Amino acid sequence: MLSNTDFLSLEGTPGAFTVKVNVRPKYIDAAKCTACGLCTQYCPRHLVDEYNEGLSITRPIHIDYPQAVPASYYIDPETCMHLKHGTCKICVPVCRSRAIDFSQTAKVEELEVGAVVLAPGFGRVPESTLAKYSYGQHPDVVTSLEFERLLNPSGPYQGHVLCLSDQRHPKKIAFIQCVGSRDLGCDNGYCSSVCCMYAIKEAMVAKEHDPSLDITIYYMDMRTQGKDFDAAQKRAQEQFGIKFVRAKVADVTPWGKKGLKLTYSTMDGAHVFAAFDMVVLSVGLDAPKDAQDIAKKLDVELNAYQFCDTTPFAPLNTSREGILVVGAFQGPKDIPESVTQSSAAAGIASVMLKQQRGAGYVIKSYPEERDIAEEEVRIGVFTCHCGINIGGVVDVPLVDQYAGGMENVVYHSESLYSCSHDAQQVIKQKIKEHNLNRIVIAACSPRTHEPLFQETMKDAGLNRSLFEMVNIRDQCSWVHANEPEAATKKSMDLIRMGVAKARGIKPLAEHTVPVTPKAVVLGGGVAGMTAALTLADQGYHTTLLEKEAFLGGNLLAIKKTIFGVETEKTLKSIIDRVQKNKLIDVCTQAELVDVAGFVGNFSSVVKLNEGKTSKEVTIDHGVIILATGGTEYVPKTVLGKELVKSDKIITQRELETRLYAKNKKDLPNSVVMVQCAGSRGDDLNYCSKVCCNHAVKNALMLKDRNPKAQIIVLYRDMRTYGYAEEKYREAREKGVVFIPYETSAMPEITKKGGSVEVSFFDPILREDVIIAPDLVTLSVGIVPQGTEVLSKLLKVPVTADKFFLEAHVKLRPVEMPVDGVFVCGLAHSPKPLDETVVQAQAAAAKAAIPLVKGMVHVAPIVSNVNKEECIGCGLCVSLCPYKTIKMVVMEDKKKKAETIVASCKACGICAAHCPTFAISMGGFTNEQIYSQIEAFGKSIEENV
């Protein structure tokens, strides 16, 4: 990893690029730096801390934040007294590891690479745009980035929300949305996509810090179009009492001695004033400030907003072959989508580099594992503050002191962030210094950080199973945020139980199993075909199963995207590539009926229908990708009432078909489009993300073919996020009328003889309006296909809305909780074409990892059968949901149960039901659990 480095130039062709970079000196030897921070304490100069948005000061020698990667300090040459004036050098004798190196100089390096991925991030909205809201004139008008730092435990006030003017706690805070987005005044005509959701998140976090805060969010459209994002907004309203006001804010001015006055206008034309202590500007994502320089050096094209230009079918490919783009430089987007794009780019790059696969990498080695069989139990307990996530509620020093008094605990300490690089180094150091052979970490959720700490154990020469994690964040500081004393006592209880269990934990053997280098993709739509092609292009045989008689899925019914890109020709090209690819077996009219096995070694039974006959075949494969798609939902309830039946009421998809009819006489002269028909509270609870784009696309198409057509769109929030905002604006300019409605006064569709009437309240006219259009077009939602059946076959979870539930929304967005199973497309959640393509490429990239390695490691927390105790009843075999226990005949002819460790999911059902207690779980033996229960029964004063 080359940090502090500038890109200079690129030459060559795909597969043989030469990149020239300038590596600037850090004046710190990263190999020697232990990140102790002593140098910073002695450095005499001050420096504005840019990482903290200029809200605090740091020193010329510093590290941006504790979890920075790489975790080493660096010296700012512009402010260092020695580098600037040849004086000082106090840091040199202070550094005990002799890591300060002023002899370092900049050096130009040339790198030979096969592919290039651009990920420079995003830029900032011009301050002139912010000045309209008194930013820069009043200290208590802050940007959302500054507010994020105020909320952060490593921020200028250690997570306490304070007014910058006088450090008082604010009582009332206003968020203003769309600052620098959807704003032609600063040439940002697009929607930044993420601002609504991050404003809700910041508001909720602020309320967690101070429940008495009065927070109002002023918005034009609340664009919470992501998976389960509407649920987050609902929680913000109902649980946290955050208010949402649809309004356009005119300005922010000083009010009284300390306050701020917000002036805004509402939909009914009223002008309103409101006083606040602090105003947060939800700033948009601008293009990187050096976007043009990057584009010029790399010869790639930018769009009108200076973001990298791409196409819907190849959203990560720049205009120059071999150069990919991910993250906000491709267009504003949130973290899960950026993570997904990064995986997809890695997959595409792997295709380019497949000839070099297996060369040029180093396999990490670990020290020999220490044999602790004869050692006395020596436990180390590390308690984490997690900034103020834990430390803001739990009395961590008191908890740490309490842990020190427990039996077998020979070392204990607290840290600001246990997951930071320096904290990991400390853990390894203390393991050696105190000869520790069990470690207890009291911190956050093991779901995210357990693998990190287990890796630290291996680095220190200990079996990774000699580790116990106690979750005092989720289970103490979060759920008891308003009860610090109770949270502290509960933390003590949990650590006492964790230490009791740690005394009995033993090293567990690791298992490795080979992988069948083949994949199965379920679904022959654009997601499934893209995933299959990405895998095949990497050299892996893939079987593509489609239940219909033909490939193409929903895209067969789509003629153009909202940006006018024709889909039919490209779709045909994709289908041809799939059908002609020798590494892809296409099975249409195919249905998965059974699956057995585990990651790397699945065996699937597929039913192939051929007319009135069918046959079943068995396919062995290593991974599965779920791309079963979704379909248009025909609602029964629209706008809170049962939908009337009429041939004048159609869906957007049906309208699109009519719009491409050759005879213009078939085109309607008047259309009322109803958004969220059957969604967001009717039959479906969620937003389907694409309906607003579909409505705008059809409205523009109808205007193009019949300019005199009257089109009214009734909506709750127009969610034309990203560049689709341009089309929304174009539709308004062409005369399409957009009228918002509230759930408290929803439009009504009624049938009058052969016609249909739509009545609604116009907030501008302040009158009820009745219209009898030629057509009423419903923007209906999307529902997943076949997920319930597959979830039972594969033992994978679905959401309350029946979409597949990924393993982790940010860290593992295309992986399912069951190893070897991946997801993409509409079966995951509704999404537009470009996001579907990227997600499919990402799923294929992730699925290729075990295929490339040729083997997988199995987590050691599997069931183990004590054959001496087993009576061969077979109850465990009948109960195991994963079919991972089999009966074997022993030499004495008796039947005994045996676990297939590779496919065991460690659910524990077998152990819980074994009548003779012959089955135990690795890391969760009966003795360990009993010891935890016993420790739970003791009081804090009693200790153990």
Foldseek 3Di string as FASTA:
>chain_A
DQPCKAWDFWDDAAQWIKTKMKRFAQQFQLVQALLPCQLFVPAPDWAQLVLLVSLDIGHQWDDNDQQDVVSGTGGNLVTRCCSVPVDDPVSQVRDPSNGGHPVDGMDMDMDTANFAEDEPAFDFQDVVLVVQAVVVNAQQEEALSNLVLCQDCRHPVNRQDARSVPRHRWQEEEEEPQRSDCDCVSPHNFFLLCLLQSVLVSLVSNCLLPLNHAYEYEAQFRQLADDCSVVSVVCSCPVSVYHYAHWAWRYWAADPPQKIKIWTAHLLGDIDIDITNHYYYSTHTAHHPCLVVVCVSHVFDADPRSAFDDDLLQLQDTPGPRYGYAHCSSPRDDQLLRLLLVLLVVLVSLLSCLVCPPPDDDDDDFPAADDCPPPAAAEEEEEECCSVLNVVQEVRVVLQVLLCPFPNHPYYYYYHDCLHPSNLVVVLVVCVVVVHQAYEYEEADCLPCLVVNLVSCRNSRHQSLLYHYHHLRVVACNVVVVPSVRSNQVSNLRVLLRVLLSNPADRFDWDKDFAFQEEEEEAQALLSLLLCVSLVSSPGAYEYEALAPAHHPPCVLPQAFLVRHGDPVVSVVSRVCQVPRPRYHYAYNKDWDFWADAARWIKTWIWHDDPPDIDIDIDTGHFYEYAHAWDFDDAQAFLRHGDDDAPQEEALSVLNVQLPDPDLVSQWQEEEEEEQTCECPHVHNHNLLCLLSSVLSSLVSSCVSPVNRAYEYEEAGRNCHIPSSVSVVVSVVSHYHYAYDDSVWTWDWDDDVNWIKIWGAGSHVRDIDIDTTSHYYYSTHIAGPPQVVVCLNQVFDADPRSAGDDSDSNPTNQHTPGPRYGYAYCSNGRDDSSSRSSSSSSRSSVNCVSSSVRMDMFDRFFKAFQQVQFQQPCPLCVPDSNNQKDWDQDPVRGIGIGGNRNRGPNPCPSCVPRPRSRMATNSGGPSSVVSSVVSSPDGSVVHD
